[in-house]
Amino acid sequence: CGCMEVVMPENYIAMYSAPAQDEALEIIRRSEKVLDEAALLIKSGKVFPRPAVALKDKISSGIVNDIFYPVFVHARKFYADDSCISCGKCVQVCPLDNIRLSDGKPVWGKSCTHCMACICRCPAEAIEYGEHSKGLIRYICPENPEKS
């Protein structure tokens, strides 16, 4: 039991900006040490260290779980602009099967976790999240960061 913090590149472009590829690769490179430590602990049968949890952390987590998710985590702001090529990639990558194509355009249902798979994987960059995502870098973790 326990956990280890592994910092990875930001992809939540509903609120933040994703890093450029060179910055993302550096973040991944730095994470490898922590991943190696985690793998060694698992291999040796040891538990992960238990991080200290401050009152501030519990309050922040409570606000996120109790207010942010119910109020902000929904699919209403997602849409595809006219550059949509009707490829269906968004339908394929949605882990909740929450997207369907209607007249060649994606339509989102009510089960959305804001994983950003649809917006970041769209080959035409046609999917937007309101006005915030316009012009932002879409981030996809490379399959083999060392070869990127």
N, C-alpha and C. Protein backbone atom coordinates (compact mmCIF):
# COMPACT_ATOMS: atom_id res chain seq x y z
N CYS A 1 0.84 -1.18 0.00
CA CYS A 1 0.00 0.00 0.00
C CYS A 1 0.89 1.25 0.00
N GLY A 2 0.37 2.37 -0.32
CA GLY A 2 1.14 3.60 -0.42
C GLY A 2 1.11 4.11 -1.84
N CYS A 3 1.84 5.16 -2.11
CA CYS A 3 1.85 5.69 -3.46
C CYS A 3 3.15 6.42 -3.72
N MET A 4 3.42 6.63 -4.99
CA MET A 4 4.59 7.39 -5.40
C MET A 4 4.12 8.43 -6.42
N GLU A 5 4.64 9.63 -6.27
CA GLU A 5 4.27 10.69 -7.20
C GLU A 5 5.14 10.61 -8.44
N VAL A 6 4.49 10.48 -9.60
CA VAL A 6 5.18 10.46 -10.88
C VAL A 6 4.64 11.65 -11.67
N VAL A 7 5.48 12.66 -11.87
CA VAL A 7 5.06 13.85 -12.60
C VAL A 7 5.20 13.58 -14.09
N MET A 8 4.10 13.76 -14.80
CA MET A 8 4.08 13.54 -16.25
C MET A 8 3.62 14.82 -16.94
N PRO A 9 3.80 14.91 -18.24
CA PRO A 9 3.38 16.12 -18.96
C PRO A 9 1.87 16.36 -18.85
N GLU A 10 1.51 17.61 -18.75
CA GLU A 10 0.10 18.03 -18.64
C GLU A 10 -0.62 17.77 -19.95
N ASN A 11 -1.81 17.19 -19.88
CA ASN A 11 -2.63 17.06 -21.08
C ASN A 11 -4.04 17.61 -20.85
N TYR A 12 -4.29 18.16 -19.69
CA TYR A 12 -5.64 18.63 -19.36
C TYR A 12 -5.85 20.03 -19.93
N ILE A 13 -6.01 20.08 -21.25
CA ILE A 13 -6.07 21.38 -21.91
C ILE A 13 -7.44 22.05 -21.76
N ALA A 14 -8.32 21.46 -20.98
CA ALA A 14 -9.55 22.15 -20.63
C ALA A 14 -9.26 23.31 -19.69
N MET A 15 -8.13 23.22 -18.97
CA MET A 15 -7.77 24.28 -18.03
C MET A 15 -6.32 24.76 -18.16
N TYR A 16 -5.45 23.91 -18.67
CA TYR A 16 -4.03 24.23 -18.69
C TYR A 16 -3.47 24.10 -20.10
N SER A 17 -2.21 24.46 -20.26
CA SER A 17 -1.53 24.29 -21.54
C SER A 17 -0.61 23.08 -21.47
N ALA A 18 -0.60 22.30 -22.53
CA ALA A 18 0.31 21.16 -22.61
C ALA A 18 1.70 21.67 -22.99
N PRO A 19 2.73 20.94 -22.59
CA PRO A 19 4.09 21.38 -22.93
C PRO A 19 4.43 21.08 -24.39
N ALA A 20 5.41 21.80 -24.91
CA ALA A 20 5.95 21.48 -26.23
C ALA A 20 6.65 20.13 -26.13
N GLN A 21 6.89 19.49 -27.27
CA GLN A 21 7.43 18.13 -27.26
C GLN A 21 8.77 18.03 -26.53
N ASP A 22 9.68 18.96 -26.73
CA ASP A 22 10.97 18.86 -26.06
C ASP A 22 10.84 18.98 -24.55
N GLU A 23 9.95 19.84 -24.09
CA GLU A 23 9.70 19.98 -22.65
C GLU A 23 9.03 18.72 -22.10
N ALA A 24 8.07 18.17 -22.86
CA ALA A 24 7.40 16.94 -22.43
C ALA A 24 8.38 15.79 -22.31
N LEU A 25 9.29 15.68 -23.27
CA LEU A 25 10.29 14.61 -23.22
C LEU A 25 11.21 14.76 -22.02
N GLU A 26 11.53 15.98 -21.63
CA GLU A 26 12.36 16.22 -20.45
C GLU A 26 11.60 15.82 -19.18
N ILE A 27 10.32 16.12 -19.11
CA ILE A 27 9.50 15.72 -17.96
C ILE A 27 9.46 14.20 -17.86
N ILE A 28 9.30 13.54 -18.98
CA ILE A 28 9.27 12.07 -18.99
C ILE A 28 10.63 11.53 -18.55
N ARG A 29 11.71 12.12 -19.05
CA ARG A 29 13.05 11.68 -18.67
C ARG A 29 13.24 11.76 -17.15
N ARG A 30 12.79 12.87 -16.55
CA ARG A 30 12.93 13.04 -15.10
C ARG A 30 12.07 12.03 -14.33
N SER A 31 10.96 11.61 -14.92
CA SER A 31 10.07 10.68 -14.22
C SER A 31 10.64 9.26 -14.18
N GLU A 32 11.57 8.97 -15.07
CA GLU A 32 12.09 7.60 -15.16
C GLU A 32 12.76 7.13 -13.87
N LYS A 33 13.42 8.03 -13.15
CA LYS A 33 14.06 7.65 -11.88
C LYS A 33 13.01 7.17 -10.88
N VAL A 34 11.91 7.91 -10.77
CA VAL A 34 10.84 7.53 -9.85
C VAL A 34 10.20 6.21 -10.29
N LEU A 35 10.01 6.04 -11.59
CA LEU A 35 9.43 4.79 -12.09
C LEU A 35 10.36 3.61 -11.81
N ASP A 36 11.67 3.82 -11.96
CA ASP A 36 12.62 2.76 -11.64
C ASP A 36 12.57 2.40 -10.16
N GLU A 37 12.48 3.42 -9.29
CA GLU A 37 12.35 3.17 -7.85
C GLU A 37 11.09 2.38 -7.54
N ALA A 38 9.98 2.75 -8.17
CA ALA A 38 8.71 2.05 -7.95
C ALA A 38 8.82 0.60 -8.41
N ALA A 39 9.43 0.39 -9.56
CA ALA A 39 9.60 -0.98 -10.07
C ALA A 39 10.44 -1.83 -9.12
N LEU A 40 11.50 -1.25 -8.57
CA LEU A 40 12.34 -1.99 -7.62
C LEU A 40 11.58 -2.36 -6.35
N LEU A 41 10.76 -1.42 -5.86
CA LEU A 41 9.97 -1.71 -4.67
C LEU A 41 8.98 -2.85 -4.95
N ILE A 42 8.33 -2.79 -6.09
CA ILE A 42 7.37 -3.84 -6.45
C ILE A 42 8.09 -5.18 -6.58
N LYS A 43 9.20 -5.17 -7.30
CA LYS A 43 9.95 -6.41 -7.54
C LYS A 43 10.44 -7.03 -6.23
N SER A 44 10.83 -6.19 -5.28
CA SER A 44 11.34 -6.71 -4.01
C SER A 44 10.23 -6.99 -3.00
N GLY A 45 8.99 -6.73 -3.37
CA GLY A 45 7.86 -7.01 -2.48
C GLY A 45 7.66 -5.98 -1.39
N LYS A 46 8.32 -4.84 -1.51
CA LYS A 46 8.20 -3.79 -0.50
C LYS A 46 7.03 -2.87 -0.85
N VAL A 47 6.55 -2.16 0.15
CA VAL A 47 5.45 -1.22 -0.07
C VAL A 47 5.99 0.15 -0.45
N PHE A 48 5.19 0.90 -1.15
CA PHE A 48 5.56 2.28 -1.48
C PHE A 48 5.55 3.12 -0.21
N PRO A 49 6.37 4.15 -0.17
CA PRO A 49 6.35 5.03 1.01
C PRO A 49 5.01 5.74 1.12
N ARG A 50 4.63 6.02 2.34
CA ARG A 50 3.38 6.75 2.57
C ARG A 50 3.70 8.24 2.68
N PRO A 51 3.21 9.02 1.74
CA PRO A 51 3.50 10.46 1.81
C PRO A 51 2.72 11.12 2.94
N ALA A 52 3.28 12.19 3.46
CA ALA A 52 2.57 12.95 4.48
C ALA A 52 1.40 13.66 3.81
N VAL A 53 0.26 13.62 4.46
CA VAL A 53 -0.93 14.28 3.94
C VAL A 53 -1.33 15.37 4.92
N ALA A 54 -1.22 16.61 4.46
CA ALA A 54 -1.54 17.75 5.32
C ALA A 54 -3.02 18.08 5.24
N LEU A 55 -3.50 18.85 6.18
CA LEU A 55 -4.89 19.29 6.19
C LEU A 55 -5.23 20.00 4.88
N LYS A 56 -4.30 20.81 4.38
CA LYS A 56 -4.48 21.52 3.12
C LYS A 56 -4.76 20.54 1.98
N ASP A 57 -4.04 19.42 1.96
CA ASP A 57 -4.24 18.40 0.93
C ASP A 57 -5.64 17.79 1.01
N LYS A 58 -6.08 17.50 2.24
CA LYS A 58 -7.41 16.91 2.42
C LYS A 58 -8.50 17.88 2.00
N ILE A 59 -8.32 19.15 2.33
CA ILE A 59 -9.31 20.16 1.95
C ILE A 59 -9.35 20.31 0.43
N SER A 60 -8.16 20.43 -0.19
CA SER A 60 -8.09 20.56 -1.66
C SER A 60 -8.74 19.36 -2.34
N SER A 61 -8.42 18.18 -1.87
CA SER A 61 -8.99 16.98 -2.45
C SER A 61 -10.50 16.94 -2.26
N GLY A 62 -10.95 17.34 -1.09
CA GLY A 62 -12.39 17.37 -0.83
C GLY A 62 -13.11 18.33 -1.76
N ILE A 63 -12.52 19.50 -1.97
CA ILE A 63 -13.13 20.48 -2.87
C ILE A 63 -13.18 19.94 -4.29
N VAL A 64 -12.08 19.34 -4.72
CA VAL A 64 -12.04 18.77 -6.07
C VAL A 64 -13.12 17.70 -6.23
N ASN A 65 -13.17 16.78 -5.29
CA ASN A 65 -14.13 15.67 -5.40
C ASN A 65 -15.57 16.10 -5.19
N ASP A 66 -15.79 17.01 -4.26
CA ASP A 66 -17.16 17.38 -3.91
C ASP A 66 -17.75 18.48 -4.79
N ILE A 67 -16.92 19.39 -5.29
CA ILE A 67 -17.44 20.53 -6.04
C ILE A 67 -16.99 20.52 -7.50
N PHE A 68 -15.68 20.43 -7.73
CA PHE A 68 -15.16 20.56 -9.09
C PHE A 68 -15.74 19.51 -10.03
N TYR A 69 -15.66 18.23 -9.67
CA TYR A 69 -16.13 17.18 -10.57
C TYR A 69 -17.61 17.32 -10.91
N PRO A 70 -18.50 17.43 -9.94
CA PRO A 70 -19.91 17.53 -10.31
C PRO A 70 -20.26 18.79 -11.11
N VAL A 71 -19.58 19.90 -10.83
CA VAL A 71 -19.92 21.16 -11.48
C VAL A 71 -19.24 21.32 -12.84
N PHE A 72 -17.98 20.91 -12.96
CA PHE A 72 -17.20 21.21 -14.16
C PHE A 72 -16.90 20.02 -15.07
N VAL A 73 -16.90 18.81 -14.55
CA VAL A 73 -16.50 17.67 -15.37
C VAL A 73 -17.73 17.08 -16.08
N HIS A 74 -17.94 17.61 -17.27
CA HIS A 74 -19.01 17.15 -18.14
C HIS A 74 -18.56 17.41 -19.57
N ALA A 75 -19.29 16.92 -20.52
CA ALA A 75 -18.87 17.03 -21.92
C ALA A 75 -19.52 18.19 -22.66
N ARG A 76 -20.29 19.02 -21.99
CA ARG A 76 -21.07 20.05 -22.69
C ARG A 76 -20.23 21.02 -23.52
N LYS A 77 -18.99 21.29 -23.13
CA LYS A 77 -18.18 22.26 -23.86
C LYS A 77 -17.40 21.66 -25.03
N PHE A 78 -17.37 20.33 -25.15
CA PHE A 78 -16.67 19.71 -26.26
C PHE A 78 -17.47 19.88 -27.55
N TYR A 79 -16.75 20.17 -28.63
CA TYR A 79 -17.39 20.23 -29.94
C TYR A 79 -16.32 20.03 -31.01
N ALA A 80 -16.75 19.67 -32.20
CA ALA A 80 -15.84 19.55 -33.34
C ALA A 80 -16.14 20.68 -34.31
N ASP A 81 -15.09 21.37 -34.75
CA ASP A 81 -15.29 22.46 -35.69
C ASP A 81 -15.36 21.91 -37.12
N ASP A 82 -15.39 22.79 -38.08
CA ASP A 82 -15.55 22.38 -39.48
C ASP A 82 -14.36 21.64 -40.06
N SER A 83 -13.24 21.60 -39.34
CA SER A 83 -12.09 20.85 -39.84
C SER A 83 -12.19 19.35 -39.52
N CYS A 84 -13.27 18.93 -38.86
CA CYS A 84 -13.49 17.51 -38.53
C CYS A 84 -13.53 16.70 -39.84
N ILE A 85 -12.78 15.61 -39.87
CA ILE A 85 -12.71 14.75 -41.05
C ILE A 85 -13.56 13.48 -40.90
N SER A 86 -14.37 13.41 -39.86
CA SER A 86 -15.29 12.28 -39.62
C SER A 86 -14.58 10.94 -39.55
N CYS A 87 -13.36 10.93 -39.00
CA CYS A 87 -12.58 9.69 -38.95
C CYS A 87 -13.03 8.74 -37.85
N GLY A 88 -13.69 9.26 -36.81
CA GLY A 88 -14.14 8.42 -35.71
C GLY A 88 -13.09 8.10 -34.68
N LYS A 89 -11.91 8.69 -34.77
CA LYS A 89 -10.84 8.42 -33.78
C LYS A 89 -11.32 8.76 -32.38
N CYS A 90 -12.07 9.86 -32.23
CA CYS A 90 -12.58 10.26 -30.91
C CYS A 90 -13.48 9.18 -30.32
N VAL A 91 -14.28 8.56 -31.16
CA VAL A 91 -15.16 7.47 -30.71
C VAL A 91 -14.32 6.29 -30.23
N GLN A 92 -13.29 5.97 -30.99
CA GLN A 92 -12.42 4.82 -30.67
C GLN A 92 -11.64 5.01 -29.38
N VAL A 93 -11.17 6.23 -29.11
CA VAL A 93 -10.28 6.43 -27.96
C VAL A 93 -11.01 6.76 -26.66
N CYS A 94 -12.30 7.05 -26.71
CA CYS A 94 -13.02 7.40 -25.49
C CYS A 94 -13.15 6.16 -24.60
N PRO A 95 -12.56 6.19 -23.40
CA PRO A 95 -12.59 5.01 -22.53
C PRO A 95 -13.98 4.70 -21.97
N LEU A 96 -14.90 5.64 -22.06
CA LEU A 96 -16.25 5.43 -21.52
C LEU A 96 -17.30 5.21 -22.61
N ASP A 97 -16.87 5.08 -23.86
CA ASP A 97 -17.81 4.95 -24.98
C ASP A 97 -18.86 6.06 -24.92
N ASN A 98 -18.39 7.27 -24.67
CA ASN A 98 -19.27 8.43 -24.46
C ASN A 98 -19.45 9.27 -25.73
N ILE A 99 -18.80 8.88 -26.82
CA ILE A 99 -18.86 9.68 -28.04
C ILE A 99 -19.41 8.80 -29.16
N ARG A 100 -20.29 9.38 -29.95
CA ARG A 100 -20.81 8.70 -31.15
C ARG A 100 -20.77 9.71 -32.28
N LEU A 101 -20.76 9.20 -33.50
CA LEU A 101 -20.82 10.09 -34.65
C LEU A 101 -22.27 10.23 -35.09
N SER A 102 -22.65 11.45 -35.38
CA SER A 102 -23.98 11.75 -35.93
C SER A 102 -23.76 12.67 -37.12
N ASP A 103 -24.16 12.22 -38.29
CA ASP A 103 -23.91 12.98 -39.53
C ASP A 103 -22.42 13.31 -39.67
N GLY A 104 -21.57 12.37 -39.26
CA GLY A 104 -20.13 12.52 -39.42
C GLY A 104 -19.45 13.37 -38.38
N LYS A 105 -20.18 13.89 -37.41
CA LYS A 105 -19.59 14.74 -36.36
C LYS A 105 -19.74 14.06 -35.00
N PRO A 106 -18.75 14.23 -34.12
CA PRO A 106 -18.87 13.63 -32.79
C PRO A 106 -19.94 14.31 -31.95
N VAL A 107 -20.64 13.48 -31.19
CA VAL A 107 -21.63 13.95 -30.22
C VAL A 107 -21.27 13.29 -28.90
N TRP A 108 -21.14 14.09 -27.85
CA TRP A 108 -20.75 13.59 -26.54
C TRP A 108 -21.97 13.30 -25.71
N GLY A 109 -21.91 12.21 -24.93
CA GLY A 109 -22.96 11.87 -23.99
C GLY A 109 -22.70 12.49 -22.64
N LYS A 110 -23.30 11.94 -21.63
CA LYS A 110 -23.22 12.51 -20.28
C LYS A 110 -22.11 11.90 -19.42
N SER A 111 -21.47 10.83 -19.87
CA SER A 111 -20.43 10.16 -19.08
C SER A 111 -19.05 10.60 -19.56
N CYS A 112 -18.52 11.66 -18.96
CA CYS A 112 -17.23 12.18 -19.37
C CYS A 112 -16.35 12.39 -18.13
N THR A 113 -15.11 11.92 -18.21
CA THR A 113 -14.19 12.12 -17.10
C THR A 113 -13.15 13.19 -17.40
N HIS A 114 -13.26 13.83 -18.56
CA HIS A 114 -12.27 14.83 -18.99
C HIS A 114 -10.88 14.23 -19.14
N CYS A 115 -10.80 13.03 -19.66
CA CYS A 115 -9.49 12.41 -19.86
C CYS A 115 -8.72 13.08 -20.99
N MET A 116 -9.39 13.81 -21.84
CA MET A 116 -8.82 14.56 -22.96
C MET A 116 -8.33 13.66 -24.10
N ALA A 117 -8.70 12.38 -24.08
CA ALA A 117 -8.29 11.49 -25.17
C ALA A 117 -8.86 11.97 -26.50
N CYS A 118 -10.10 12.36 -26.53
CA CYS A 118 -10.73 12.78 -27.78
C CYS A 118 -10.04 14.02 -28.36
N ILE A 119 -9.84 15.01 -27.54
CA ILE A 119 -9.28 16.27 -28.03
C ILE A 119 -7.80 16.14 -28.39
N CYS A 120 -7.06 15.35 -27.62
CA CYS A 120 -5.62 15.23 -27.88
C CYS A 120 -5.32 14.24 -29.00
N ARG A 121 -6.20 13.30 -29.26
CA ARG A 121 -5.94 12.29 -30.29
C ARG A 121 -6.55 12.65 -31.65
N CYS A 122 -7.33 13.69 -31.74
CA CYS A 122 -7.96 14.07 -33.00
C CYS A 122 -6.89 14.43 -34.02
N PRO A 123 -6.80 13.67 -35.13
CA PRO A 123 -5.73 13.94 -36.10
C PRO A 123 -5.88 15.28 -36.82
N ALA A 124 -7.08 15.82 -36.85
CA ALA A 124 -7.31 17.11 -37.51
C ALA A 124 -7.31 18.28 -36.53
N GLU A 125 -7.13 17.98 -35.23
CA GLU A 125 -7.23 18.99 -34.17
C GLU A 125 -8.53 19.79 -34.31
N ALA A 126 -9.59 19.06 -34.63
CA ALA A 126 -10.90 19.68 -34.85
C ALA A 126 -11.71 19.79 -33.58
N ILE A 127 -11.34 19.05 -32.54
CA ILE A 127 -12.12 19.06 -31.31
C ILE A 127 -11.61 20.17 -30.40
N GLU A 128 -12.53 20.90 -29.85
CA GLU A 128 -12.21 21.99 -28.93
C GLU A 128 -13.00 21.80 -27.65
N TYR A 129 -12.52 22.45 -26.60
CA TYR A 129 -13.24 22.50 -25.33
C TYR A 129 -13.55 23.96 -25.07
N GLY A 130 -14.72 24.37 -25.45
CA GLY A 130 -15.09 25.78 -25.35
C GLY A 130 -14.10 26.63 -26.12
N GLU A 131 -13.77 27.77 -25.58
CA GLU A 131 -12.80 28.66 -26.22
C GLU A 131 -11.38 28.43 -25.72
N HIS A 132 -11.25 27.79 -24.56
CA HIS A 132 -9.94 27.67 -23.92
C HIS A 132 -8.92 26.89 -24.74
N SER A 133 -9.33 25.84 -25.40
CA SER A 133 -8.37 24.95 -26.06
C SER A 133 -7.91 25.45 -27.43
N LYS A 134 -8.55 26.46 -27.96
CA LYS A 134 -8.20 26.93 -29.30
C LYS A 134 -6.74 27.36 -29.36
N GLY A 135 -6.03 26.77 -30.31
CA GLY A 135 -4.63 27.11 -30.51
C GLY A 135 -3.65 26.44 -29.57
N LEU A 136 -4.14 25.66 -28.60
CA LEU A 136 -3.24 25.01 -27.65
C LEU A 136 -2.65 23.72 -28.24
N ILE A 137 -1.44 23.41 -27.80
CA ILE A 137 -0.79 22.16 -28.17
C ILE A 137 -1.61 21.00 -27.63
N ARG A 138 -1.79 19.98 -28.43
CA ARG A 138 -2.40 18.73 -27.98
C ARG A 138 -1.26 17.81 -27.60
N TYR A 139 -1.38 17.14 -26.44
CA TYR A 139 -0.29 16.28 -25.98
C TYR A 139 -0.70 14.83 -26.04
N ILE A 140 0.16 14.04 -26.65
CA ILE A 140 0.03 12.58 -26.67
C ILE A 140 1.38 12.03 -26.25
N CYS A 141 1.39 11.19 -25.24
CA CYS A 141 2.65 10.59 -24.78
C CYS A 141 3.19 9.69 -25.90
N PRO A 142 4.45 9.92 -26.29
CA PRO A 142 5.01 9.06 -27.34
C PRO A 142 5.14 7.63 -26.85
N GLU A 143 4.96 6.68 -27.77
CA GLU A 143 5.06 5.28 -27.40
C GLU A 143 6.44 4.93 -26.88
N ASN A 144 7.46 5.52 -27.48
CA ASN A 144 8.83 5.28 -27.03
C ASN A 144 9.52 6.65 -26.97
N PRO A 145 9.46 7.31 -25.82
CA PRO A 145 10.02 8.66 -25.70
C PRO A 145 11.50 8.77 -26.09
N GLU A 146 12.24 7.68 -25.92
CA GLU A 146 13.67 7.74 -26.24
C GLU A 146 13.93 7.90 -27.73
N LYS A 147 12.95 7.50 -28.57
CA LYS A 147 13.13 7.59 -30.02
C LYS A 147 12.51 8.86 -30.59
N SER A 148 11.88 9.68 -29.74
CA SER A 148 11.24 10.91 -30.23
C SER A 148 12.23 12.02 -30.39
